[in-house]
Protein backbone atom coordinates (compact mmCIF):
# COMPACT_ATOMS: atom_id res chain seq x y z
CA MET A 1 16.37 14.82 4.87
CA SER A 2 16.56 13.87 1.07
CA PHE A 3 19.63 11.32 2.31
CA ASN A 4 17.19 9.67 4.85
CA THR A 5 14.27 9.08 2.44
CA THR A 6 16.51 7.92 -0.26
CA LEU A 7 18.37 5.66 2.08
CA ALA A 8 14.49 4.34 3.35
CA ALA A 9 13.39 3.50 0.02
CA CYS A 10 16.24 1.59 -1.07
CA SER A 11 16.69 -0.31 2.46
CA ALA A 12 12.73 -1.45 1.91
CA GLY A 13 12.79 -2.09 -1.68
CA LEU A 14 15.93 -4.26 -1.05
CA ALA A 15 13.92 -6.32 2.05
CA ALA A 16 11.17 -6.79 -0.58
CA LEU A 17 13.56 -8.23 -3.22
CA PHE A 18 15.32 -10.56 -0.97
CA TYR A 19 12.15 -11.76 1.39
CA ALA A 20 10.39 -12.77 -1.50
CA TYR A 21 13.05 -14.74 -3.20
CA ALA A 22 13.63 -16.50 -0.14
CA ARG A 23 9.72 -17.45 -0.08
CA VAL A 24 8.99 -18.37 -3.40
CA GLN A 25 12.62 -18.55 -5.24
CA LYS A 26 11.83 -15.77 -7.93
CA TRP A 27 12.69 -12.43 -7.96
CA ASP A 28 9.32 -10.51 -7.85
CA LEU A 29 9.73 -6.97 -9.56
CA GLY A 30 5.90 -5.96 -8.28
CA ILE A 31 6.98 -6.65 -4.73
CA THR A 32 10.36 -4.86 -5.60
CA VAL A 33 8.51 -1.76 -6.68
CA ASN A 34 5.78 -1.90 -3.62
CA GLY A 35 8.67 -2.00 -1.29
CA PHE A 36 10.31 0.79 -2.24
CA LEU A 37 6.89 2.78 -2.16
CA ALA A 38 6.45 1.28 1.69
CA GLY A 39 10.09 2.55 2.49
CA LEU A 40 9.15 5.96 1.05
CA VAL A 41 5.57 5.71 2.89
CA ALA A 42 7.07 4.76 6.03
CA ILE A 43 9.87 7.14 6.55
CA THR A 44 7.29 10.05 5.46
CA CYS A 45 6.70 10.89 9.03
CA PRO A 46 10.26 10.45 10.81
CA CYS A 47 12.60 11.85 8.22
CA TYR A 48 13.43 14.93 9.58
CA TRP A 49 13.92 13.22 13.52
CA VAL A 50 16.16 10.26 12.53
CA SER A 51 19.61 9.42 12.05
CA PRO A 52 20.61 7.58 8.60
CA THR A 53 20.73 4.54 10.61
CA GLY A 54 17.11 4.55 11.59
CA ALA A 55 16.13 5.42 8.31
CA PHE A 56 17.29 2.12 7.15
CA PHE A 57 15.95 -0.28 9.70
CA ILE A 58 12.93 1.83 9.16
CA GLY A 59 12.63 1.09 5.65
CA ALA A 60 13.78 -2.45 5.65
CA VAL A 61 11.09 -3.04 8.92
CA ALA A 62 8.32 -1.63 5.82
CA GLY A 63 9.70 -3.99 2.99
CA VAL A 64 8.99 -6.78 5.08
CA ALA A 65 5.43 -5.24 6.55
CA VAL A 66 4.08 -4.74 3.37
CA ILE A 67 4.52 -8.07 2.22
CA TRP A 68 3.31 -9.50 5.23
CA ALA A 69 0.23 -7.26 5.02
CA THR A 70 -0.52 -8.15 1.38
CA ASP A 71 -0.36 -11.96 2.52
CA ALA A 72 -3.25 -10.86 5.53
CA LEU A 73 -5.21 -9.31 3.19
CA GLU A 74 -5.05 -12.27 0.88
CA TYR A 75 -5.93 -14.42 3.30
CA LEU A 76 -9.18 -12.41 4.16
CA ARG A 77 -9.94 -12.80 0.79
CA ILE A 78 -9.84 -8.24 0.57
CA ASP A 79 -9.63 -7.20 -3.19
CA ASP A 80 -6.20 -4.92 -3.42
CA PRO A 81 -4.76 -6.11 -6.24
CA ILE A 82 -2.14 -3.02 -6.39
CA GLY A 83 -1.23 -3.53 -2.86
CA ALA A 84 -2.45 0.28 -1.90
CA VAL A 85 -3.38 -0.96 1.68
CA PRO A 86 -0.21 -2.31 2.53
CA VAL A 87 1.33 0.34 0.97
CA HIS A 88 0.06 3.36 2.43
CA MET A 89 -2.20 2.36 5.64
CA VAL A 90 -0.25 -0.76 7.25
CA CYS A 91 3.52 1.32 6.46
CA GLY A 92 2.25 4.26 6.87
CA ILE A 93 1.36 3.10 10.56
CA TRP A 94 4.75 1.88 11.15
CA GLY A 95 6.54 4.80 9.89
CA THR A 96 4.52 7.19 12.43
CA LEU A 97 5.04 4.90 15.34
CA SER A 98 8.57 4.57 14.49
CA LEU A 99 9.12 8.66 15.42
CA GLY A 100 8.46 6.97 18.62
CA LEU A 101 11.24 4.26 18.51
CA PHE A 102 14.13 6.06 16.23
CA ALA A 103 13.93 9.65 17.09
CA THR A 104 17.54 10.43 18.01
CA GLY A 105 16.63 13.68 19.85
CA ALA A 106 19.73 15.60 18.22
CA TYR A 107 17.14 18.24 16.11
CA GLY A 108 15.32 20.83 17.67
CA VAL A 109 11.62 22.17 16.41
CA PRO A 110 12.23 23.37 12.96
CA THR A 111 10.68 27.61 13.25
CA PRO A 112 11.20 30.16 10.58
CA THR A 113 14.52 31.58 12.27
CA GLY A 114 16.08 28.34 12.44
CA ALA A 115 15.71 24.84 14.47
CA ASP A 116 14.66 25.51 18.36
CA VAL A 117 16.81 23.01 20.39
CA SER A 118 14.93 23.45 23.27
CA THR A 119 12.54 21.38 22.19
CA VAL A 120 14.03 17.92 21.05
CA VAL A 121 11.67 14.66 20.03
CA LYS A 122 13.68 11.67 21.43
CA GLY A 123 12.67 7.77 20.77
CA LEU A 124 12.78 4.79 22.82
CA PHE A 125 15.56 3.48 21.15
CA TYR A 126 17.56 6.84 22.12
CA GLY A 127 16.75 7.11 26.16
CA GLY A 128 13.11 8.92 25.50
CA GLY A 129 10.99 6.16 26.94
CA THR A 130 7.46 5.52 25.81
CA THR A 131 6.29 8.86 26.15
CA GLN A 132 6.98 9.91 22.16
CA LEU A 133 6.04 6.25 20.92
CA MET A 134 2.58 6.36 23.10
CA ALA A 135 1.58 9.88 21.51
CA GLN A 136 2.24 8.49 17.98
CA ALA A 137 -0.17 5.74 19.00
CA ILE A 138 -2.57 7.45 20.21
CA GLY A 139 -2.58 9.99 16.82
CA SER A 140 -2.22 7.32 14.11
CA SER A 141 -5.08 5.25 15.91
CA ALA A 142 -7.51 8.31 15.91
CA ILE A 143 -6.80 9.28 12.42
CA THR A 144 -7.06 5.50 11.35
CA LEU A 145 -10.84 5.34 12.87
CA ALA A 146 -11.92 8.39 11.76
CA THR A 147 -10.87 7.32 8.50
CA LEU A 148 -12.61 3.86 8.36
CA ALA A 149 -15.60 5.47 9.63
CA VAL A 150 -15.58 8.31 7.03
CA SER A 151 -15.32 5.33 4.76
CA PHE A 152 -17.57 3.25 6.01
CA VAL A 153 -20.44 5.52 6.04
CA LEU A 154 -19.39 7.08 2.24
CA MET A 155 -19.03 3.78 0.82
CA TYR A 156 -22.40 2.30 2.37
CA ALA A 157 -24.09 5.42 1.33
CA VAL A 158 -22.92 4.83 -2.66
CA LYS A 159 -24.01 1.28 -2.23
CA ALA A 160 -27.46 2.36 -1.59
CA THR A 161 -27.82 4.43 -4.47
CA GLY A 162 -27.06 1.22 -6.47
CA THR A 163 -23.88 2.68 -8.01
CA LEU A 164 -21.18 1.38 -6.23
CA ARG A 165 -20.62 -1.99 -8.71
CA VAL A 166 -20.35 -1.83 -12.44
CA SER A 167 -22.86 -4.22 -14.83
CA ARG A 168 -21.90 -7.77 -14.95
CA GLU A 169 -20.95 -7.16 -18.60
CA GLY A 170 -18.36 -4.72 -17.42
CA GLU A 171 -17.12 -6.97 -14.70
CA LEU A 172 -16.54 -9.88 -17.17
CA GLU A 173 -15.31 -7.94 -20.04
CA GLY A 174 -13.06 -5.66 -17.46
CA LEU A 175 -13.21 -1.87 -17.27
CA ASP A 176 -10.92 -1.39 -19.66
CA VAL A 177 -12.37 -2.67 -22.49
CA HIS A 178 -16.22 -1.68 -21.32
CA GLU A 179 -15.50 1.50 -20.15
CA HIS A 180 -12.81 2.66 -22.55
CA GLY A 181 -12.78 0.61 -25.75
CA MET A 182 -9.20 -0.99 -25.32
CA LEU A 183 -6.97 -3.39 -23.52
CA ALA A 184 -4.83 -1.81 -20.70
CA TYR A 185 -2.58 -4.86 -20.71
CA PRO A 186 -2.70 -6.08 -24.19
CA GLU A 187 0.87 -8.24 -23.93
CA TYR A 188 -1.51 -10.23 -21.40
CA VAL A 189 -2.87 -13.30 -22.90
CA ILE A 190 -6.31 -14.53 -20.90
CA HIS A 191 -6.69 -17.94 -22.46
CA GLY A 192 -10.05 -18.91 -23.56
CA TYR A 193 -11.38 -15.25 -23.20
CA GLU A 194 -11.47 -11.95 -25.87
CA PRO A 195 -13.31 -9.21 -25.58
CA GLY A 196 -16.78 -8.87 -26.38
CA MET A 197 -17.35 -12.59 -25.33
CA HIS A 198 -19.82 -13.58 -22.58
CA PRO A 199 -20.75 -16.57 -20.75
CA THR A 200 -23.82 -18.25 -22.36
CA GLU A 201 -24.47 -21.29 -20.67
CA THR A 202 -22.94 -23.27 -17.69
CA THR A 203 -21.50 -26.82 -18.16
CA ALA A 204 -19.74 -29.37 -15.43
CA ALA A 205 -16.62 -27.83 -16.91
CA GLY A 206 -17.65 -24.12 -15.93
CA PRO A 207 -19.10 -21.26 -18.34
CA VAL A 208 -18.91 -21.85 -22.25
CA MET A 209 -17.93 -18.30 -23.99
CA ALA A 210 -19.67 -17.04 -26.89
CA PRO A 211 -19.33 -13.76 -29.29
CA SER A 212 -21.50 -11.24 -27.79
CA ARG A 213 -23.89 -9.71 -30.52
CA LYS A 214 -21.95 -6.69 -30.11
CA PRO A 215 -18.13 -7.20 -30.10
CA VAL A 216 -15.99 -4.29 -28.59
CA GLU A 217 -13.93 -2.77 -31.47
CA VAL A 218 -10.40 -2.59 -30.49
């Protein structure tokens, strides 16, 4: 299991690295790290049931899927700055479905006294048909729908209380400065902006920044 986990993470990270480079001609560290995470998430479900070959391909698909999912969110203008949905939701669903494709049928159900070889899990690519794949799809769909339903109810309830968003001042300063009084990424230079500065008027060129009356001490 540890070998399958490591192999899937590595194949996913490399797939994301080279696929991203093929698109933009740059080595993207952020996408590569998310690729590693995508592989780890994807292999979580099928890890025990698949061979190293299956683990490799499960990770490789996850490494590409995480980029496609990130592109889809950006196209839909859904804010996810760290790629949590592509990594955990999209690649989690892929990993769940992959059990129905790559399960070899060589491993029995784990029990306290050892593996029960009378019951095995065999995927589509190993002659098991679509039975396991359909079971995985039903389970994944049920969990996804239940999670979305509970999340929407909870977030709209928080929105109704007026506490979902931070203040406008907090949005402009950034929560690292506004809430904690320090820069989370001091090495990043944002041209034309310093903590404690706020737009005071709007011109044809855009908002004009001026120091606030109470600058934040960093």
